[in-house]
Amino acid sequence: MNKDQVKGTAEKVKGKVNEAVGNATGDPAQKAKGQVQQGVGEAQKQYGDLKDDAKKSKP
């Protein structure tokens, strides 16, 4: 795993926590923040996956 994959996964976890807190407290802004964080985390993880794949396919 490269640093982008790790950071992306961590961001997704933070987003899930924020979303859960938003659900538990009935705070739609907190829930939305969590959903956005999960999207950002997923994008960063996918970027890391692409970098990893490119590195592995180099001759």
PDB file of N, CA and C in Angstrom:
ATOM      1  N   MET A   1       0.839  -1.184   0.000  1.00  0.00           N
ATOM      2  CA  MET A   1       0.000   0.000   0.000  1.00  0.00           C
ATOM      3  C   MET A   1       0.886   1.249   0.000  1.00  0.00           C
ATOM      4  N   ASN A   2       0.503   2.198  -0.817  1.00  0.00           N
ATOM      5  CA  ASN A   2       1.242   3.454  -0.813  1.00  0.00           C
ATOM      6  C   ASN A   2       0.520   4.479   0.064  1.00  0.00           C
ATOM      7  N   LYS A   3       1.135   5.640   0.230  1.00  0.00           N
ATOM      8  CA  LYS A   3       0.595   6.619   1.174  1.00  0.00           C
ATOM      9  C   LYS A   3      -0.779   7.141   0.758  1.00  0.00           C
ATOM     10  N   ASP A   4      -1.044   7.222  -0.538  1.00  0.00           N
ATOM     11  CA  ASP A   4      -2.355   7.696  -0.977  1.00  0.00           C
ATOM     12  C   ASP A   4      -3.450   6.687  -0.629  1.00  0.00           C
ATOM     13  N   GLN A   5      -3.147   5.415  -0.734  1.00  0.00           N
ATOM     14  CA  GLN A   5      -4.121   4.396  -0.365  1.00  0.00           C
ATOM     15  C   GLN A   5      -4.417   4.451   1.127  1.00  0.00           C
ATOM     16  N   VAL A   6      -3.383   4.622   1.928  1.00  0.00           N
ATOM     17  CA  VAL A   6      -3.553   4.681   3.383  1.00  0.00           C
ATOM     18  C   VAL A   6      -4.343   5.927   3.772  1.00  0.00           C
ATOM     19  N   LYS A   7      -3.944   7.076   3.223  1.00  0.00           N
ATOM     20  CA  LYS A   7      -4.641   8.323   3.546  1.00  0.00           C
ATOM     21  C   LYS A   7      -6.094   8.276   3.081  1.00  0.00           C
ATOM     22  N   GLY A   8      -6.333   7.706   1.918  1.00  0.00           N
ATOM     23  CA  GLY A   8      -7.701   7.591   1.409  1.00  0.00           C
ATOM     24  C   GLY A   8      -8.562   6.716   2.298  1.00  0.00           C
ATOM     25  N   THR A   9      -8.022   5.604   2.732  1.00  0.00           N
ATOM     26  CA  THR A   9      -8.758   4.709   3.624  1.00  0.00           C
ATOM     27  C   THR A   9      -9.042   5.393   4.960  1.00  0.00           C
ATOM     28  N   ALA A  10      -8.057   6.121   5.472  1.00  0.00           N
ATOM     29  CA  ALA A  10      -8.256   6.843   6.736  1.00  0.00           C
ATOM     30  C   ALA A  10      -9.342   7.904   6.585  1.00  0.00           C
ATOM     31  N   GLU A  11      -9.348   8.598   5.473  1.00  0.00           N
ATOM     32  CA  GLU A  11     -10.362   9.637   5.239  1.00  0.00           C
ATOM     33  C   GLU A  11     -11.762   9.020   5.140  1.00  0.00           C
ATOM     34  N   LYS A  12     -11.839   7.852   4.507  1.00  0.00           N
ATOM     35  CA  LYS A  12     -13.127   7.163   4.429  1.00  0.00           C
ATOM     36  C   LYS A  12     -13.635   6.782   5.817  1.00  0.00           C
ATOM     37  N   VAL A  13     -12.742   6.318   6.674  1.00  0.00           N
ATOM     38  CA  VAL A  13     -13.123   5.945   8.042  1.00  0.00           C
ATOM     39  C   VAL A  13     -13.615   7.180   8.797  1.00  0.00           C
ATOM     40  N   LYS A  14     -12.878   8.286   8.683  1.00  0.00           N
ATOM     41  CA  LYS A  14     -13.303   9.527   9.343  1.00  0.00           C
ATOM     42  C   LYS A  14     -14.683   9.951   8.834  1.00  0.00           C
ATOM     43  N   GLY A  15     -14.902   9.787   7.546  1.00  0.00           N
ATOM     44  CA  GLY A  15     -16.199  10.136   6.972  1.00  0.00           C
ATOM     45  C   GLY A  15     -17.325   9.270   7.517  1.00  0.00           C
ATOM     46  N   LYS A  16     -17.048   7.993   7.667  1.00  0.00           N
ATOM     47  CA  LYS A  16     -18.068   7.095   8.227  1.00  0.00           C
ATOM     48  C   LYS A  16     -18.400   7.478   9.665  1.00  0.00           C
ATOM     49  N   VAL A  17     -17.375   7.870  10.432  1.00  0.00           N
ATOM     50  CA  VAL A  17     -17.606   8.294  11.808  1.00  0.00           C
ATOM     51  C   VAL A  17     -18.458   9.566  11.830  1.00  0.00           C
ATOM     52  N   ASN A  18     -18.100  10.538  11.007  1.00  0.00           N
ATOM     53  CA  ASN A  18     -18.870  11.778  10.954  1.00  0.00           C
ATOM     54  C   ASN A  18     -20.306  11.524  10.527  1.00  0.00           C
ATOM     55  N   GLU A  19     -20.491  10.646   9.555  1.00  0.00           N
ATOM     56  CA  GLU A  19     -21.853  10.327   9.111  1.00  0.00           C
ATOM     57  C   GLU A  19     -22.649   9.669  10.238  1.00  0.00           C
ATOM     58  N   ALA A  20     -22.024   8.755  10.959  1.00  0.00           N
ATOM     59  CA  ALA A  20     -22.703   8.080  12.065  1.00  0.00           C
ATOM     60  C   ALA A  20     -23.075   9.071  13.163  1.00  0.00           C
ATOM     61  N   VAL A  21     -22.163   9.999  13.457  1.00  0.00           N
ATOM     62  CA  VAL A  21     -22.458  11.024  14.465  1.00  0.00           C
ATOM     63  C   VAL A  21     -23.620  11.888  13.995  1.00  0.00           C
ATOM     64  N   GLY A  22     -23.614  12.250  12.738  1.00  0.00           N
ATOM     65  CA  GLY A  22     -24.714  13.038  12.178  1.00  0.00           C
ATOM     66  C   GLY A  22     -26.039  12.311  12.262  1.00  0.00           C
ATOM     67  N   ASN A  23     -26.025  11.017  11.992  1.00  0.00           N
ATOM     68  CA  ASN A  23     -27.252  10.211  12.107  1.00  0.00           C
ATOM     69  C   ASN A  23     -27.717  10.134  13.557  1.00  0.00           C
ATOM     70  N   ALA A  24     -26.781   9.924  14.467  1.00  0.00           N
ATOM     71  CA  ALA A  24     -27.133   9.755  15.874  1.00  0.00           C
ATOM     72  C   ALA A  24     -27.666  11.040  16.491  1.00  0.00           C
ATOM     73  N   THR A  25     -27.113  12.167  16.068  1.00  0.00           N
ATOM     74  CA  THR A  25     -27.526  13.445  16.648  1.00  0.00           C
ATOM     75  C   THR A  25     -28.601  14.145  15.830  1.00  0.00           C
ATOM     76  N   GLY A  26     -28.913  13.609  14.672  1.00  0.00           N
ATOM     77  CA  GLY A  26     -29.914  14.240  13.809  1.00  0.00           C
ATOM     78  C   GLY A  26     -29.389  15.500  13.139  1.00  0.00           C
ATOM     79  N   ASP A  27     -28.075  15.595  12.974  1.00  0.00           N
ATOM     80  CA  ASP A  27     -27.446  16.768  12.374  1.00  0.00           C
ATOM     81  C   ASP A  27     -27.178  16.500  10.890  1.00  0.00           C
ATOM     82  N   PRO A  28     -28.000  17.054  10.002  1.00  0.00           N
ATOM     83  CA  PRO A  28     -27.809  16.772   8.568  1.00  0.00           C
ATOM     84  C   PRO A  28     -26.494  17.328   8.016  1.00  0.00           C
ATOM     85  N   ALA A  29     -26.001  18.429   8.576  1.00  0.00           N
ATOM     86  CA  ALA A  29     -24.733  18.984   8.101  1.00  0.00           C
ATOM     87  C   ALA A  29     -23.573  18.043   8.429  1.00  0.00           C
ATOM     88  N   GLN A  30     -23.592  17.474   9.615  1.00  0.00           N
ATOM     89  CA  GLN A  30     -22.536  16.528  10.025  1.00  0.00           C
ATOM     90  C   GLN A  30     -22.605  15.276   9.150  1.00  0.00           C
ATOM     91  N   LYS A  31     -23.805  14.821   8.880  1.00  0.00           N
ATOM     92  CA  LYS A  31     -23.987  13.641   8.036  1.00  0.00           C
ATOM     93  C   LYS A  31     -23.455  13.913   6.628  1.00  0.00           C
ATOM     94  N   ALA A  32     -23.776  15.091   6.093  1.00  0.00           N
ATOM     95  CA  ALA A  32     -23.320  15.452   4.747  1.00  0.00           C
ATOM     96  C   ALA A  32     -21.793  15.571   4.710  1.00  0.00           C
ATOM     97  N   LYS A  33     -21.221  16.149   5.764  1.00  0.00           N
ATOM     98  CA  LYS A  33     -19.761  16.261   5.841  1.00  0.00           C
ATOM     99  C   LYS A  33     -19.124  14.877   5.791  1.00  0.00           C
ATOM    100  N   GLY A  34     -19.708  13.937   6.502  1.00  0.00           N
ATOM    101  CA  GLY A  34     -19.191  12.574   6.498  1.00  0.00           C
ATOM    102  C   GLY A  34     -19.280  11.925   5.133  1.00  0.00           C
ATOM    103  N   GLN A  35     -20.368  12.174   4.443  1.00  0.00           N
ATOM    104  CA  GLN A  35     -20.528  11.595   3.110  1.00  0.00           C
ATOM    105  C   GLN A  35     -19.521  12.180   2.133  1.00  0.00           C
ATOM    106  N   VAL A  36     -19.266  13.483   2.257  1.00  0.00           N
ATOM    107  CA  VAL A  36     -18.268  14.119   1.391  1.00  0.00           C
ATOM    108  C   VAL A  36     -16.879  13.568   1.700  1.00  0.00           C
ATOM    109  N   GLN A  37     -16.565  13.428   2.987  1.00  0.00           N
ATOM    110  CA  GLN A  37     -15.261  12.870   3.369  1.00  0.00           C
ATOM    111  C   GLN A  37     -15.078  11.468   2.799  1.00  0.00           C
ATOM    112  N   GLN A  38     -16.126  10.679   2.825  1.00  0.00           N
ATOM    113  CA  GLN A  38     -16.017   9.324   2.279  1.00  0.00           C
ATOM    114  C   GLN A  38     -15.729   9.377   0.782  1.00  0.00           C
ATOM    115  N   GLY A  39     -16.367  10.294   0.075  1.00  0.00           N
ATOM    116  CA  GLY A  39     -16.113  10.443  -1.360  1.00  0.00           C
ATOM    117  C   GLY A  39     -14.691  10.869  -1.646  1.00  0.00           C
ATOM    118  N   VAL A  40     -14.195  11.832  -0.873  1.00  0.00           N
ATOM    119  CA  VAL A  40     -12.813  12.293  -1.030  1.00  0.00           C
ATOM    120  C   VAL A  40     -11.844  11.148  -0.730  1.00  0.00           C
ATOM    121  N   GLY A  41     -12.128  10.421   0.323  1.00  0.00           N
ATOM    122  CA  GLY A  41     -11.266   9.298   0.683  1.00  0.00           C
ATOM    123  C   GLY A  41     -11.233   8.224  -0.383  1.00  0.00           C
ATOM    124  N   GLU A  42     -12.389   7.942  -0.947  1.00  0.00           N
ATOM    125  CA  GLU A  42     -12.452   6.927  -2.002  1.00  0.00           C
ATOM    126  C   GLU A  42     -11.664   7.379  -3.231  1.00  0.00           C
ATOM    127  N   ALA A  43     -11.783   8.659  -3.584  1.00  0.00           N
ATOM    128  CA  ALA A  43     -11.039   9.187  -4.730  1.00  0.00           C
ATOM    129  C   ALA A  43      -9.536   9.092  -4.494  1.00  0.00           C
ATOM    130  N   GLN A  44      -9.096   9.444  -3.294  1.00  0.00           N
ATOM    131  CA  GLN A  44      -7.670   9.380  -2.992  1.00  0.00           C
ATOM    132  C   GLN A  44      -7.175   7.938  -2.994  1.00  0.00           C
ATOM    133  N   LYS A  45      -7.989   7.026  -2.476  1.00  0.00           N
ATOM    134  CA  LYS A  45      -7.600   5.617  -2.480  1.00  0.00           C
ATOM    135  C   LYS A  45      -7.482   5.091  -3.913  1.00  0.00           C
ATOM    136  N   GLN A  46      -8.429   5.470  -4.766  1.00  0.00           N
ATOM    137  CA  GLN A  46      -8.372   5.022  -6.153  1.00  0.00           C
ATOM    138  C   GLN A  46      -7.149   5.587  -6.872  1.00  0.00           C
ATOM    139  N   TYR A  47      -6.806   6.848  -6.560  1.00  0.00           N
ATOM    140  CA  TYR A  47      -5.603   7.445  -7.123  1.00  0.00           C
ATOM    141  C   TYR A  47      -4.376   6.631  -6.684  1.00  0.00           C
ATOM    142  N   GLY A  48      -4.348   6.267  -5.419  1.00  0.00           N
ATOM    143  CA  GLY A  48      -3.244   5.444  -4.918  1.00  0.00           C
ATOM    144  C   GLY A  48      -3.207   4.079  -5.587  1.00  0.00           C
ATOM    145  N   ASP A  49      -4.386   3.512  -5.823  1.00  0.00           N
ATOM    146  CA  ASP A  49      -4.455   2.220  -6.518  1.00  0.00           C
ATOM    147  C   ASP A  49      -3.867   2.332  -7.928  1.00  0.00           C
ATOM    148  N   LEU A  50      -4.211   3.422  -8.621  1.00  0.00           N
ATOM    149  CA  LEU A  50      -3.696   3.624  -9.979  1.00  0.00           C
ATOM    150  C   LEU A  50      -2.174   3.789  -9.964  1.00  0.00           C
ATOM    151  N   LYS A  51      -1.657   4.560  -9.007  1.00  0.00           N
ATOM    152  CA  LYS A  51      -0.211   4.723  -8.894  1.00  0.00           C
ATOM    153  C   LYS A  51       0.461   3.379  -8.631  1.00  0.00           C
ATOM    154  N   ASP A  52      -0.149   2.586  -7.770  1.00  0.00           N
ATOM    155  CA  ASP A  52       0.403   1.277  -7.438  1.00  0.00           C
ATOM    156  C   ASP A  52       0.396   0.369  -8.663  1.00  0.00           C
ATOM    157  N   ASP A  53      -0.705   0.372  -9.397  1.00  0.00           N
ATOM    158  CA  ASP A  53      -0.792  -0.450 -10.606  1.00  0.00           C
ATOM    159  C   ASP A  53       0.236  -0.015 -11.649  1.00  0.00           C
ATOM    160  N   ALA A  54       0.409   1.303 -11.815  1.00  0.00           N
ATOM    161  CA  ALA A  54       1.376   1.803 -12.778  1.00  0.00           C
ATOM    162  C   ALA A  54       2.789   1.404 -12.390  1.00  0.00           C
ATOM    163  N   LYS A  55       3.068   1.477 -11.106  1.00  0.00           N
ATOM    164  CA  LYS A  55       4.394   1.109 -10.619  1.00  0.00           C
ATOM    165  C   LYS A  55       4.677  -0.370 -10.862  1.00  0.00           C
ATOM    166  N   LYS A  56       3.656  -1.203 -10.644  1.00  0.00           N
ATOM    167  CA  LYS A  56       3.823  -2.648 -10.817  1.00  0.00           C
ATOM    168  C   LYS A  56       3.963  -3.036 -12.272  1.00  0.00           C
ATOM    169  N   SER A  57       3.347  -2.255 -13.174  1.00  0.00           N
ATOM    170  CA  SER A  57       3.384  -2.624 -14.590  1.00  0.00           C
ATOM    171  C   SER A  57       4.590  -2.051 -15.329  1.00  0.00           C
ATOM    172  N   LYS A  58       5.403  -1.258 -14.639  1.00  0.00           N
ATOM    173  CA  LYS A  58       6.624  -0.745 -15.262  1.00  0.00           C
ATOM    174  C   LYS A  58       7.582  -1.897 -15.533  1.00  0.00           C
ATOM    175  N   PRO A  59       8.219  -1.850 -16.718  1.00  0.00           N
ATOM    176  CA  PRO A  59       9.170  -2.943 -17.030  1.00  0.00           C
ATOM    177  C   PRO A  59      10.446  -2.865 -16.257  1.00  0.00           C
TER     178      PRO A  59
END
